[in-house]
Amino acid sequence: MKKNMGQADKIFRGLIAAVIALLYLTNVISGTVAIVLGALAVIFLITSLVSFCPLYAPFGINTRSKK
């Protein structure tokens, strides 16, 4: 598994996950919407932690900076 996510991409995904968590904890979202967005938040957090997005791979997208 080759890393394909840059720092900005990881931060952006983490912020989105945090906003979804905040919306859930303040009861702004609930029900099916909360479940779907919660699953998306978990996926965003996992991909951020491992620096790999499986959807980027088939398209050859790489947001990591070249060193």
PDB file of N, CA and C in Angstrom:
ATOM      1  N   MET A   1       0.851  -1.168   0.000  1.00  0.00           N
ATOM      2  CA  MET A   1       0.000   0.000   0.000  1.00  0.00           C
ATOM      3  C   MET A   1       0.902   1.237   0.000  1.00  0.00           C
ATOM      4  N   LYS A   2       0.925   1.915  -1.115  1.00  0.00           N
ATOM      5  CA  LYS A   2       1.757   3.099  -1.274  1.00  0.00           C
ATOM      6  C   LYS A   2       0.967   4.336  -0.836  1.00  0.00           C
ATOM      7  N   LYS A   3       1.574   5.179  -0.027  1.00  0.00           N
ATOM      8  CA  LYS A   3       0.901   6.385   0.458  1.00  0.00           C
ATOM      9  C   LYS A   3       0.607   7.318  -0.704  1.00  0.00           C
ATOM     10  N   ASN A   4      -0.619   7.865  -0.717  1.00  0.00           N
ATOM     11  CA  ASN A   4      -1.003   8.765  -1.809  1.00  0.00           C
ATOM     12  C   ASN A   4      -1.743  10.017  -1.336  1.00  0.00           C
ATOM     13  N   MET A   5      -1.666  10.304  -0.040  1.00  0.00           N
ATOM     14  CA  MET A   5      -2.338  11.484   0.497  1.00  0.00           C
ATOM     15  C   MET A   5      -1.339  12.450   1.109  1.00  0.00           C
ATOM     16  N   GLY A   6      -1.453  13.712   0.742  1.00  0.00           N
ATOM     17  CA  GLY A   6      -0.589  14.741   1.289  1.00  0.00           C
ATOM     18  C   GLY A   6      -1.114  15.283   2.608  1.00  0.00           C
ATOM     19  N   GLN A   7      -0.323  16.138   3.217  1.00  0.00           N
ATOM     20  CA  GLN A   7      -0.660  16.695   4.528  1.00  0.00           C
ATOM     21  C   GLN A   7      -1.955  17.515   4.493  1.00  0.00           C
ATOM     22  N   ALA A   8      -2.117  18.351   3.482  1.00  0.00           N
ATOM     23  CA  ALA A   8      -3.324  19.184   3.396  1.00  0.00           C
ATOM     24  C   ALA A   8      -4.569  18.317   3.247  1.00  0.00           C
ATOM     25  N   ASP A   9      -4.470  17.263   2.469  1.00  0.00           N
ATOM     26  CA  ASP A   9      -5.588  16.346   2.275  1.00  0.00           C
ATOM     27  C   ASP A   9      -5.966  15.661   3.582  1.00  0.00           C
ATOM     28  N   LYS A  10      -4.964  15.246   4.348  1.00  0.00           N
ATOM     29  CA  LYS A  10      -5.214  14.594   5.627  1.00  0.00           C
ATOM     30  C   LYS A  10      -5.868  15.553   6.624  1.00  0.00           C
ATOM     31  N   ILE A  11      -5.397  16.788   6.663  1.00  0.00           N
ATOM     32  CA  ILE A  11      -5.980  17.785   7.571  1.00  0.00           C
ATOM     33  C   ILE A  11      -7.424  18.080   7.191  1.00  0.00           C
ATOM     34  N   PHE A  12      -7.684  18.233   5.899  1.00  0.00           N
ATOM     35  CA  PHE A  12      -9.032  18.519   5.420  1.00  0.00           C
ATOM     36  C   PHE A  12      -9.999  17.397   5.801  1.00  0.00           C
ATOM     37  N   ARG A  13      -9.579  16.161   5.616  1.00  0.00           N
ATOM     38  CA  ARG A  13     -10.429  15.021   5.991  1.00  0.00           C
ATOM     39  C   ARG A  13     -10.661  14.961   7.492  1.00  0.00           C
ATOM     40  N   GLY A  14      -9.638  15.271   8.266  1.00  0.00           N
ATOM     41  CA  GLY A  14      -9.795  15.286   9.721  1.00  0.00           C
ATOM     42  C   GLY A  14     -10.767  16.354  10.175  1.00  0.00           C
ATOM     43  N   LEU A  15     -10.711  17.516   9.543  1.00  0.00           N
ATOM     44  CA  LEU A  15     -11.645  18.596   9.881  1.00  0.00           C
ATOM     45  C   LEU A  15     -13.084  18.217   9.533  1.00  0.00           C
ATOM     46  N   ILE A  16     -13.278  17.592   8.385  1.00  0.00           N
ATOM     47  CA  ILE A  16     -14.622  17.164   7.998  1.00  0.00           C
ATOM     48  C   ILE A  16     -15.155  16.148   9.004  1.00  0.00           C
ATOM     49  N   ALA A  17     -14.322  15.197   9.405  1.00  0.00           N
ATOM     50  CA  ALA A  17     -14.737  14.199  10.392  1.00  0.00           C
ATOM     51  C   ALA A  17     -15.088  14.862  11.720  1.00  0.00           C
ATOM     52  N   ALA A  18     -14.315  15.859  12.121  1.00  0.00           N
ATOM     53  CA  ALA A  18     -14.583  16.564  13.381  1.00  0.00           C
ATOM     54  C   ALA A  18     -15.896  17.340  13.309  1.00  0.00           C
ATOM     55  N   VAL A  19     -16.175  17.954  12.179  1.00  0.00           N
ATOM     56  CA  VAL A  19     -17.436  18.695  12.014  1.00  0.00           C
ATOM     57  C   VAL A  19     -18.620  17.734  12.074  1.00  0.00           C
ATOM     58  N   ILE A  20     -18.494  16.584  11.428  1.00  0.00           N
ATOM     59  CA  ILE A  20     -19.580  15.596  11.474  1.00  0.00           C
ATOM     60  C   ILE A  20     -19.802  15.125  12.908  1.00  0.00           C
ATOM     61  N   ALA A  21     -18.713  14.875  13.639  1.00  0.00           N
ATOM     62  CA  ALA A  21     -18.838  14.449  15.035  1.00  0.00           C
ATOM     63  C   ALA A  21     -19.510  15.529  15.880  1.00  0.00           C
ATOM     64  N   LEU A  22     -19.127  16.780  15.652  1.00  0.00           N
ATOM     65  CA  LEU A  22     -19.728  17.893  16.386  1.00  0.00           C
ATOM     66  C   LEU A  22     -21.220  18.016  16.081  1.00  0.00           C
ATOM     67  N   LEU A  23     -21.588  17.865  14.822  1.00  0.00           N
ATOM     68  CA  LEU A  23     -23.001  17.930  14.451  1.00  0.00           C
ATOM     69  C   LEU A  23     -23.803  16.816  15.117  1.00  0.00           C
ATOM     70  N   TYR A  24     -23.203  15.628  15.213  1.00  0.00           N
ATOM     71  CA  TYR A  24     -23.887  14.511  15.857  1.00  0.00           C
ATOM     72  C   TYR A  24     -24.019  14.749  17.364  1.00  0.00           C
ATOM     73  N   LEU A  25     -22.935  15.202  17.981  1.00  0.00           N
ATOM     74  CA  LEU A  25     -22.953  15.393  19.435  1.00  0.00           C
ATOM     75  C   LEU A  25     -23.880  16.525  19.874  1.00  0.00           C
ATOM     76  N   THR A  26     -24.141  17.492  18.998  1.00  0.00           N
ATOM     77  CA  THR A  26     -25.048  18.587  19.321  1.00  0.00           C
ATOM     78  C   THR A  26     -26.466  18.319  18.813  1.00  0.00           C
ATOM     79  N   ASN A  27     -26.713  17.097  18.368  1.00  0.00           N
ATOM     80  CA  ASN A  27     -28.023  16.644  17.894  1.00  0.00           C
ATOM     81  C   ASN A  27     -28.557  17.440  16.698  1.00  0.00           C
ATOM     82  N   VAL A  28     -27.668  17.960  15.888  1.00  0.00           N
ATOM     83  CA  VAL A  28     -28.094  18.636  14.663  1.00  0.00           C
ATOM     84  C   VAL A  28     -28.467  17.594  13.621  1.00  0.00           C
ATOM     85  N   ILE A  29     -27.733  16.485  13.596  1.00  0.00           N
ATOM     86  CA  ILE A  29     -28.062  15.384  12.692  1.00  0.00           C
ATOM     87  C   ILE A  29     -28.441  14.168  13.523  1.00  0.00           C
ATOM     88  N   SER A  30     -29.354  13.370  12.994  1.00  0.00           N
ATOM     89  CA  SER A  30     -29.771  12.154  13.684  1.00  0.00           C
ATOM     90  C   SER A  30     -30.345  11.187  12.662  1.00  0.00           C
ATOM     91  N   GLY A  31     -30.631   9.993  13.116  1.00  0.00           N
ATOM     92  CA  GLY A  31     -31.253   8.992  12.261  1.00  0.00           C
ATOM     93  C   GLY A  31     -30.316   8.478  11.177  1.00  0.00           C
ATOM     94  N   THR A  32     -30.891   8.237  10.006  1.00  0.00           N
ATOM     95  CA  THR A  32     -30.144   7.674   8.888  1.00  0.00           C
ATOM     96  C   THR A  32     -29.029   8.606   8.436  1.00  0.00           C
ATOM     97  N   VAL A  33     -29.283   9.893   8.433  1.00  0.00           N
ATOM     98  CA  VAL A  33     -28.263  10.863   8.023  1.00  0.00           C
ATOM     99  C   VAL A  33     -27.053  10.766   8.948  1.00  0.00           C
ATOM    100  N   ALA A  34     -27.295  10.633  10.243  1.00  0.00           N
ATOM    101  CA  ALA A  34     -26.197  10.530  11.205  1.00  0.00           C
ATOM    102  C   ALA A  34     -25.396   9.248  10.988  1.00  0.00           C
ATOM    103  N   ILE A  35     -26.058   8.171  10.663  1.00  0.00           N
ATOM    104  CA  ILE A  35     -25.367   6.897  10.423  1.00  0.00           C
ATOM    105  C   ILE A  35     -24.491   6.992   9.178  1.00  0.00           C
ATOM    106  N   VAL A  36     -25.043   7.526   8.107  1.00  0.00           N
ATOM    107  CA  VAL A  36     -24.288   7.644   6.850  1.00  0.00           C
ATOM    108  C   VAL A  36     -23.104   8.592   7.017  1.00  0.00           C
ATOM    109  N   LEU A  37     -23.341   9.757   7.604  1.00  0.00           N
ATOM    110  CA  LEU A  37     -22.257  10.714   7.804  1.00  0.00           C
ATOM    111  C   LEU A  37     -21.237  10.204   8.818  1.00  0.00           C
ATOM    112  N   GLY A  38     -21.695   9.455   9.812  1.00  0.00           N
ATOM    113  CA  GLY A  38     -20.773   8.863  10.783  1.00  0.00           C
ATOM    114  C   GLY A  38     -19.851   7.847  10.122  1.00  0.00           C
ATOM    115  N   ALA A  39     -20.407   7.029   9.246  1.00  0.00           N
ATOM    116  CA  ALA A  39     -19.586   6.062   8.511  1.00  0.00           C
ATOM    117  C   ALA A  39     -18.568   6.790   7.633  1.00  0.00           C
ATOM    118  N   LEU A  40     -18.999   7.860   6.992  1.00  0.00           N
ATOM    119  CA  LEU A  40     -18.098   8.657   6.158  1.00  0.00           C
ATOM    120  C   LEU A  40     -16.986   9.277   7.007  1.00  0.00           C
ATOM    121  N   ALA A  41     -17.326   9.747   8.184  1.00  0.00           N
ATOM    122  CA  ALA A  41     -16.330  10.336   9.080  1.00  0.00           C
ATOM    123  C   ALA A  41     -15.299   9.288   9.509  1.00  0.00           C
ATOM    124  N   VAL A  42     -15.754   8.092   9.811  1.00  0.00           N
ATOM    125  CA  VAL A  42     -14.835   7.024  10.205  1.00  0.00           C
ATOM    126  C   VAL A  42     -13.891   6.677   9.048  1.00  0.00           C
ATOM    127  N   ILE A  43     -14.437   6.593   7.849  1.00  0.00           N
ATOM    128  CA  ILE A  43     -13.614   6.313   6.668  1.00  0.00           C
ATOM    129  C   ILE A  43     -12.585   7.416   6.464  1.00  0.00           C
ATOM    130  N   PHE A  44     -13.012   8.668   6.599  1.00  0.00           N
ATOM    131  CA  PHE A  44     -12.080   9.794   6.457  1.00  0.00           C
ATOM    132  C   PHE A  44     -10.955   9.714   7.491  1.00  0.00           C
ATOM    133  N   LEU A  45     -11.289   9.381   8.728  1.00  0.00           N
ATOM    134  CA  LEU A  45     -10.265   9.280   9.769  1.00  0.00           C
ATOM    135  C   LEU A  45      -9.283   8.154   9.488  1.00  0.00           C
ATOM    136  N   ILE A  46      -9.787   7.012   9.070  1.00  0.00           N
ATOM    137  CA  ILE A  46      -8.907   5.871   8.785  1.00  0.00           C
ATOM    138  C   ILE A  46      -7.978   6.183   7.623  1.00  0.00           C
ATOM    139  N   THR A  47      -8.529   6.744   6.548  1.00  0.00           N
ATOM    140  CA  THR A  47      -7.677   7.055   5.394  1.00  0.00           C
ATOM    141  C   THR A  47      -6.655   8.126   5.747  1.00  0.00           C
ATOM    142  N   SER A  48      -7.012   9.043   6.619  1.00  0.00           N
ATOM    143  CA  SER A  48      -6.053  10.063   7.052  1.00  0.00           C
ATOM    144  C   SER A  48      -4.920   9.456   7.867  1.00  0.00           C
ATOM    145  N   LEU A  49      -5.248   8.528   8.731  1.00  0.00           N
ATOM    146  CA  LEU A  49      -4.236   7.918   9.587  1.00  0.00           C
ATOM    147  C   LEU A  49      -3.249   7.050   8.804  1.00  0.00           C
ATOM    148  N   VAL A  50      -3.731   6.350   7.765  1.00  0.00           N
ATOM    149  CA  VAL A  50      -2.848   5.473   6.995  1.00  0.00           C
ATOM    150  C   VAL A  50      -2.282   6.164   5.757  1.00  0.00           C
ATOM    151  N   SER A  51      -2.709   7.390   5.489  1.00  0.00           N
ATOM    152  CA  SER A  51      -2.234   8.192   4.349  1.00  0.00           C
ATOM    153  C   SER A  51      -2.470   7.515   3.008  1.00  0.00           C
ATOM    154  N   PHE A  52      -3.533   6.736   2.918  1.00  0.00           N
ATOM    155  CA  PHE A  52      -3.851   6.042   1.668  1.00  0.00           C
ATOM    156  C   PHE A  52      -5.348   6.111   1.420  1.00  0.00           C
ATOM    157  N   CYS A  53      -5.723   6.565   0.228  1.00  0.00           N
ATOM    158  CA  CYS A  53      -7.118   6.594  -0.173  1.00  0.00           C
ATOM    159  C   CYS A  53      -7.303   5.605  -1.316  1.00  0.00           C
ATOM    160  N   PRO A  54      -8.101   4.561  -1.121  1.00  0.00           N
ATOM    161  CA  PRO A  54      -8.286   3.561  -2.167  1.00  0.00           C
ATOM    162  C   PRO A  54      -8.942   4.123  -3.432  1.00  0.00           C
ATOM    163  N   LEU A  55      -9.709   5.192  -3.313  1.00  0.00           N
ATOM    164  CA  LEU A  55     -10.339   5.774  -4.503  1.00  0.00           C
ATOM    165  C   LEU A  55      -9.345   6.569  -5.352  1.00  0.00           C
ATOM    166  N   TYR A  56      -8.250   7.001  -4.758  1.00  0.00           N
ATOM    167  CA  TYR A  56      -7.227   7.716  -5.513  1.00  0.00           C
ATOM    168  C   TYR A  56      -6.425   6.775  -6.409  1.00  0.00           C
ATOM    169  N   ALA A  57      -6.200   5.550  -5.949  1.00  0.00           N
ATOM    170  CA  ALA A  57      -5.318   4.605  -6.636  1.00  0.00           C
ATOM    171  C   ALA A  57      -5.724   4.315  -8.088  1.00  0.00           C
ATOM    172  N   PRO A  58      -6.977   3.952  -8.388  1.00  0.00           N
ATOM    173  CA  PRO A  58      -7.316   3.631  -9.784  1.00  0.00           C
ATOM    174  C   PRO A  58      -7.183   4.812 -10.737  1.00  0.00           C
ATOM    175  N   PHE A  59      -7.298   6.008 -10.207  1.00  0.00           N
ATOM    176  CA  PHE A  59      -7.223   7.204 -11.040  1.00  0.00           C
ATOM    177  C   PHE A  59      -5.824   7.808 -11.080  1.00  0.00           C
ATOM    178  N   GLY A  60      -4.907   7.232 -10.326  1.00  0.00           N
ATOM    179  CA  GLY A  60      -3.534   7.719 -10.304  1.00  0.00           C
ATOM    180  C   GLY A  60      -3.366   9.053  -9.595  1.00  0.00           C
ATOM    181  N   ILE A  61      -4.274   9.379  -8.696  1.00  0.00           N
ATOM    182  CA  ILE A  61      -4.195  10.645  -7.961  1.00  0.00           C
ATOM    183  C   ILE A  61      -3.225  10.491  -6.806  1.00  0.00           C
ATOM    184  N   ASN A  62      -2.348  11.460  -6.654  1.00  0.00           N
ATOM    185  CA  ASN A  62      -1.380  11.464  -5.575  1.00  0.00           C
ATOM    186  C   ASN A  62      -1.214  12.908  -5.098  1.00  0.00           C
ATOM    187  N   THR A  63      -1.616  13.183  -3.859  1.00  0.00           N
ATOM    188  CA  THR A  63      -1.523  14.536  -3.338  1.00  0.00           C
ATOM    189  C   THR A  63      -0.293  14.744  -2.459  1.00  0.00           C
ATOM    190  N   ARG A  64       0.550  13.726  -2.356  1.00  0.00           N
ATOM    191  CA  ARG A  64       1.784  13.874  -1.579  1.00  0.00           C
ATOM    192  C   ARG A  64       2.762  14.741  -2.352  1.00  0.00           C
ATOM    193  N   SER A  65       3.527  15.525  -1.619  1.00  0.00           N
ATOM    194  CA  SER A  65       4.527  16.362  -2.267  1.00  0.00           C
ATOM    195  C   SER A  65       5.724  15.509  -2.676  1.00  0.00           C
ATOM    196  N   LYS A  66       6.317  15.876  -3.767  1.00  0.00           N
ATOM    197  CA  LYS A  66       7.502  15.157  -4.262  1.00  0.00           C
ATOM    198  C   LYS A  66       8.736  15.685  -3.549  1.00  0.00           C
ATOM    199  N   LYS A  67       9.561  14.798  -3.031  1.00  0.00           N
ATOM    200  CA  LYS A  67      10.783  15.221  -2.341  1.00  0.00           C
ATOM    201  C   LYS A  67      11.990  14.915  -3.165  1.00  0.00           C
TER     202      LYS A  67
END
